[in-house]
C-alpha atoms as a PDB file:
ATOM      1  CA  MET A   1      30.637 -27.999 -55.227  1.00  0.00           C
ATOM      2  CA  LYS A   2      28.477 -29.676 -57.855  1.00  0.00           C
ATOM      3  CA  THR A   3      26.232 -26.578 -58.018  1.00  0.00           C
ATOM      4  CA  ILE A   4      29.227 -24.305 -58.674  1.00  0.00           C
ATOM      5  CA  LYS A   5      30.435 -26.510 -61.549  1.00  0.00           C
ATOM      6  CA  THR A   6      26.965 -26.569 -63.083  1.00  0.00           C
ATOM      7  CA  LEU A   7      26.635 -22.796 -62.729  1.00  0.00           C
ATOM      8  CA  SER A   8      30.088 -22.249 -64.246  1.00  0.00           C
ATOM      9  CA  LEU A   9      29.317 -24.528 -67.173  1.00  0.00           C
ATOM     10  CA  ALA A  10      26.043 -22.705 -67.820  1.00  0.00           C
ATOM     11  CA  THR A  11      27.823 -19.333 -67.714  1.00  0.00           C
ATOM     12  CA  VAL A  12      30.512 -20.444 -70.166  1.00  0.00           C
ATOM     13  CA  ALA A  13      27.878 -21.832 -72.530  1.00  0.00           C
ATOM     14  CA  ALA A  14      25.877 -18.587 -72.431  1.00  0.00           C
ATOM     15  CA  LEU A  15      28.955 -16.435 -73.075  1.00  0.00           C
ATOM     16  CA  SER A  16      30.053 -18.584 -76.008  1.00  0.00           C
ATOM     17  CA  LEU A  17      26.657 -18.134 -77.639  1.00  0.00           C
ATOM     18  CA  ILE A  18      26.963 -14.367 -77.305  1.00  0.00           C
ATOM     19  CA  SER A  19      30.358 -14.308 -79.022  1.00  0.00           C
ATOM     20  CA  PHE A  20      29.100 -16.445 -81.914  1.00  0.00           C
ATOM     21  CA  GLY A  21      26.181 -14.070 -82.403  1.00  0.00           C
ATOM     22  CA  SER A  22      28.316 -10.937 -82.617  1.00  0.00           C
ATOM     23  CA  PHE A  23      29.780  -9.570 -85.836  1.00  0.00           C
ATOM     24  CA  ALA A  24      33.556  -9.662 -86.191  1.00  0.00           C
ATOM     25  CA  GLN A  25      35.455  -9.954 -89.430  1.00  0.00           C
ATOM     26  CA  SER A  26      39.165  -9.708 -90.085  1.00  0.00           C
ATOM     27  CA  VAL A  27      40.277  -7.943 -93.284  1.00  0.00           C
ATOM     28  CA  THR A  28      43.658  -7.192 -94.834  1.00  0.00           C
ATOM     29  CA  ALA A  29      44.998  -4.645 -97.304  1.00  0.00           C
ATOM     30  CA  THR A  30      48.315  -3.903 -98.964  1.00  0.00           C
ATOM     31  CA  SER A  31      49.696  -0.647-100.322  1.00  0.00           C
ATOM     32  CA  SER A  32      52.928   1.270-100.700  1.00  0.00           C
ATOM     33  CA  THR A  33      51.944   3.692 -97.880  1.00  0.00           C
ATOM     34  CA  LEU A  34      50.168   3.557 -94.523  1.00  0.00           C
ATOM     35  CA  ASP A  35      47.538   6.007 -95.746  1.00  0.00           C
ATOM     36  CA  GLY A  36      46.831   3.869 -98.803  1.00  0.00           C
ATOM     37  CA  ALA A  37      46.427   0.674 -96.787  1.00  0.00           C
ATOM     38  CA  GLU A  38      44.186   2.383 -94.248  1.00  0.00           C
ATOM     39  CA  ALA A  39      42.062   3.864 -97.034  1.00  0.00           C
ATOM     40  CA  LYS A  40      41.489   0.359 -98.399  1.00  0.00           C
ATOM     41  CA  ILE A  41      40.517  -0.908 -94.921  1.00  0.00           C
ATOM     42  CA  ALA A  42      38.164   2.064 -94.477  1.00  0.00           C
ATOM     43  CA  ALA A  43      36.528   1.342 -97.851  1.00  0.00           C
ATOM     44  CA  GLN A  44      35.974  -2.306 -96.897  1.00  0.00           C
ATOM     45  CA  ALA A  45      34.468  -1.238 -93.574  1.00  0.00           C
ATOM     46  CA  GLN A  46      32.172   1.275 -95.264  1.00  0.00           C
ATOM     47  CA  GLN A  47      31.027  -1.370 -97.750  1.00  0.00           C
ATOM     48  CA  GLU A  48      30.099  -3.674 -94.839  1.00  0.00           C
ATOM     49  CA  GLY A  49      28.497  -0.837 -92.858  1.00  0.00           C
ATOM     50  CA  ALA A  50      30.948  -1.402 -90.016  1.00  0.00           C
ATOM     51  CA  ASN A  51      33.640   0.356 -88.014  1.00  0.00           C
ATOM     52  CA  TYR A  52      37.218  -0.883 -87.945  1.00  0.00           C
ATOM     53  CA  LYS A  53      40.159  -1.238 -85.605  1.00  0.00           C
ATOM     54  CA  ILE A  54      43.637  -1.751 -87.024  1.00  0.00           C
ATOM     55  CA  THR A  55      45.228  -4.731 -85.307  1.00  0.00           C
ATOM     56  CA  GLU A  56      48.501  -5.074 -87.218  1.00  0.00           C
ATOM     57  CA  ALA A  57      50.665  -3.307 -89.779  1.00  0.00           C
ATOM     58  CA  ASN A  58      53.935  -4.500 -91.361  1.00  0.00           C
ATOM     59  CA  PHE A  59      56.390  -2.349 -93.294  1.00  0.00           C
ATOM     60  CA  ASN A  60      58.626  -4.405 -95.556  1.00  0.00           C
ATOM     61  CA  ASN A  61      58.952  -3.020 -99.088  1.00  0.00           C
ATOM     62  CA  GLY A  62      55.321  -1.930 -98.739  1.00  0.00           C
ATOM     63  CA  VAL A  63      52.599  -1.984 -96.138  1.00  0.00           C
ATOM     64  CA  HIS A  64      50.466  -4.960 -95.131  1.00  0.00           C
ATOM     65  CA  MET A  65      47.664  -4.043 -92.723  1.00  0.00           C
ATOM     66  CA  THR A  66      45.124  -6.158 -90.863  1.00  0.00           C
ATOM     67  CA  ALA A  67      42.018  -4.803 -89.182  1.00  0.00           C
ATOM     68  CA  GLU A  68      38.932  -6.127 -87.457  1.00  0.00           C
ATOM     69  CA  LEU A  69      35.535  -4.908 -88.599  1.00  0.00           C
ATOM     70  CA  TYR A  70      32.797  -4.554 -86.012  1.00  0.00           C
ATOM     71  CA  LYS A  71      29.276  -3.161 -85.885  1.00  0.00           C
END
């Protein structure tokens, strides 16, 4: 049982180091249209040399969009 706990702890520690080493950045943009907000996100991603995935968009008298940049 002690060996399993030690092995599990070592695995968790190794995986946490991998996630800290990876690139992930959250960005937001606002605009009056979806296309405008996405264009701003795309420009930020291009500036960082990254790809993006839209994670959230709100429509309330305009558009507020959040995306995650990744390499």
